[in-house]
Amino acid sequence: MAAPPVDEAFLKRVFQQVDKDKSNAISATELQACLSNGTWEPFNSETVKLMVAMFDRDHKGQLNYDEFKQLWKYIEDWRQCFTSFDKDKSSYISKEELKQALTTFGYQLSDGFYDLMMARFVKGGQGK
């Protein structure tokens, strides 16, 4: 369920807007400044560093355009996956939606596991 190809001109404009220092590369700080998780809170800096490290093929600690393009596709593929399991379109994955997703991926886990996941990772400790 891959995302459709992105408009190259659009993606280049995004890259140029994120590249605040015009270095033709995006640092973790620049990437963090442009990401939104839907809550208007910044992404966790460690998460952003991991995202950069995953796609930084030349090990310079930043993303050139081609690396950024690969990251964009990866994020879009995950967004598509998330959307396919967010059946109620709430922008959150409920316990039942999580069970469906992990079962689809071949995992057979106990209800206690899902309760633990929801308590640990859902803000306020409550799943839907």
Protein backbone atom coordinates (compact mmCIF):
# COMPACT_ATOMS: atom_id res chain seq x y z
CA MET A 1 0.00 0.00 0.00
CA ALA A 2 2.61 2.47 -1.12
CA ALA A 3 1.83 6.15 -1.33
CA PRO A 4 1.39 7.66 -4.79
CA PRO A 5 4.45 9.37 -6.24
CA VAL A 6 4.87 12.93 -5.05
CA ASP A 7 5.10 15.92 -7.37
CA GLU A 8 8.86 16.53 -7.71
CA ALA A 9 8.48 20.32 -7.97
CA PHE A 10 6.36 20.36 -4.82
CA LEU A 11 8.87 18.28 -2.89
CA LYS A 12 11.78 20.49 -3.99
CA ARG A 13 9.87 23.55 -2.74
CA VAL A 14 9.27 21.81 0.60
CA PHE A 15 12.96 20.90 0.84
CA GLN A 16 14.00 24.49 0.13
CA GLN A 17 11.58 25.85 2.75
CA VAL A 18 12.83 23.42 5.41
CA ASP A 19 16.49 24.15 4.55
CA LYS A 20 16.49 27.44 6.48
CA ASP A 21 20.25 28.00 6.29
CA LYS A 22 20.29 27.28 2.51
CA SER A 23 23.03 24.67 2.90
CA ASN A 24 21.31 22.24 0.50
CA ALA A 25 20.93 19.87 3.44
CA ILE A 26 18.42 19.54 6.25
CA SER A 27 19.64 19.18 9.82
CA ALA A 28 17.67 17.47 12.59
CA THR A 29 16.92 20.93 14.03
CA GLU A 30 15.52 22.16 10.72
CA LEU A 31 13.48 18.98 10.29
CA GLN A 32 12.09 19.19 13.82
CA ALA A 33 11.01 22.80 13.23
CA CYS A 34 8.86 21.81 10.24
CA LEU A 35 7.26 18.63 11.56
CA SER A 36 3.80 18.62 13.05
CA ASN A 37 2.29 15.75 14.96
CA GLY A 38 -1.20 17.22 14.99
CA THR A 39 -0.94 18.57 18.53
CA TRP A 40 1.19 21.66 17.78
CA GLU A 41 3.83 20.19 20.10
CA PRO A 42 7.31 19.71 18.59
CA PHE A 43 8.41 16.22 17.67
CA ASN A 44 10.70 14.61 20.21
CA SER A 45 14.25 15.62 19.29
CA GLU A 46 15.52 12.04 19.67
CA THR A 47 12.86 10.82 17.24
CA VAL A 48 13.90 13.44 14.70
CA LYS A 49 17.58 12.51 15.09
CA LEU A 50 16.67 8.86 14.48
CA MET A 51 14.71 9.85 11.37
CA VAL A 52 17.73 11.72 10.01
CA ALA A 53 20.08 8.85 10.90
CA MET A 54 17.85 6.31 9.12
CA PHE A 55 18.15 8.14 5.80
CA ASP A 56 21.54 9.87 6.09
CA ARG A 57 23.35 7.60 3.61
CA ASP A 58 26.54 9.67 3.51
CA HIS A 59 26.72 9.93 7.33
CA LYS A 60 26.97 13.72 7.46
CA GLY A 61 24.28 14.16 10.13
CA GLN A 62 21.89 15.84 7.72
CA LEU A 63 19.74 15.00 4.71
CA ASN A 64 20.47 16.02 1.16
CA TYR A 65 17.55 16.27 -1.26
CA ASP A 66 17.59 12.59 -2.31
CA GLU A 67 17.74 11.45 1.32
CA PHE A 68 14.92 13.84 2.23
CA LYS A 69 12.88 12.45 -0.66
CA GLN A 70 13.34 8.91 0.72
CA LEU A 71 12.31 10.09 4.21
CA TRP A 72 9.23 11.80 2.73
CA LYS A 73 8.19 8.54 1.02
CA TYR A 74 8.76 6.56 4.21
CA ILE A 75 6.62 8.95 6.25
CA GLU A 76 3.91 8.99 3.59
CA ASP A 77 3.84 5.18 3.45
CA TRP A 78 3.42 5.06 7.25
CA ARG A 79 0.70 7.72 7.08
CA GLN A 80 -1.15 5.64 4.50
CA CYS A 81 -0.80 2.56 6.70
CA PHE A 82 -2.07 4.46 9.75
CA THR A 83 -5.02 5.86 7.80
CA SER A 84 -6.00 2.41 6.61
CA PHE A 85 -6.34 1.19 10.22
CA ASP A 86 -7.88 4.38 11.66
CA LYS A 87 -11.35 3.13 10.73
CA ASP A 88 -13.26 5.82 12.64
CA LYS A 89 -11.04 8.57 11.14
CA SER A 90 -10.36 9.95 14.62
CA SER A 91 -6.63 10.46 13.93
CA TYR A 92 -5.96 8.09 16.82
CA ILE A 93 -5.59 4.34 16.87
CA SER A 94 -7.95 2.72 19.36
CA LYS A 95 -7.23 -0.56 21.08
CA GLU A 96 -9.42 -2.41 18.59
CA GLU A 97 -7.77 -0.69 15.62
CA LEU A 98 -4.34 -1.56 17.02
CA LYS A 99 -5.40 -5.19 17.44
CA GLN A 100 -6.62 -5.27 13.84
CA ALA A 101 -3.38 -3.73 12.56
CA LEU A 102 -1.05 -6.07 14.44
CA THR A 103 -3.19 -9.11 13.60
CA THR A 104 -2.99 -8.11 9.92
CA PHE A 105 0.81 -8.04 10.28
CA GLY A 106 0.71 -11.60 11.67
CA TYR A 107 0.89 -10.95 15.42
CA GLN A 108 -1.37 -12.80 17.83
CA LEU A 109 -1.13 -10.94 21.15
CA SER A 110 -3.13 -11.05 24.38
CA ASP A 111 -5.67 -8.43 25.43
CA GLY A 112 -3.37 -7.69 28.38
CA PHE A 113 -0.63 -6.69 25.95
CA TYR A 114 -2.93 -4.24 24.19
CA ASP A 115 -4.10 -2.84 27.53
CA LEU A 116 -0.47 -2.31 28.51
CA MET A 117 0.33 -0.63 25.18
CA MET A 118 -2.65 1.69 25.44
CA ALA A 119 -1.85 2.58 29.06
CA ARG A 120 1.79 3.26 28.23
CA PHE A 121 1.51 5.18 24.98
CA VAL A 122 -1.85 6.91 24.96
CA LYS A 123 -1.76 10.39 26.49
CA GLY A 124 -3.43 10.26 29.87
CA GLY A 125 -3.05 6.48 29.96
CA GLN A 126 -6.52 5.80 28.55
CA GLY A 127 -7.29 4.05 25.32
CA LYS A 128 -10.52 4.62 23.43
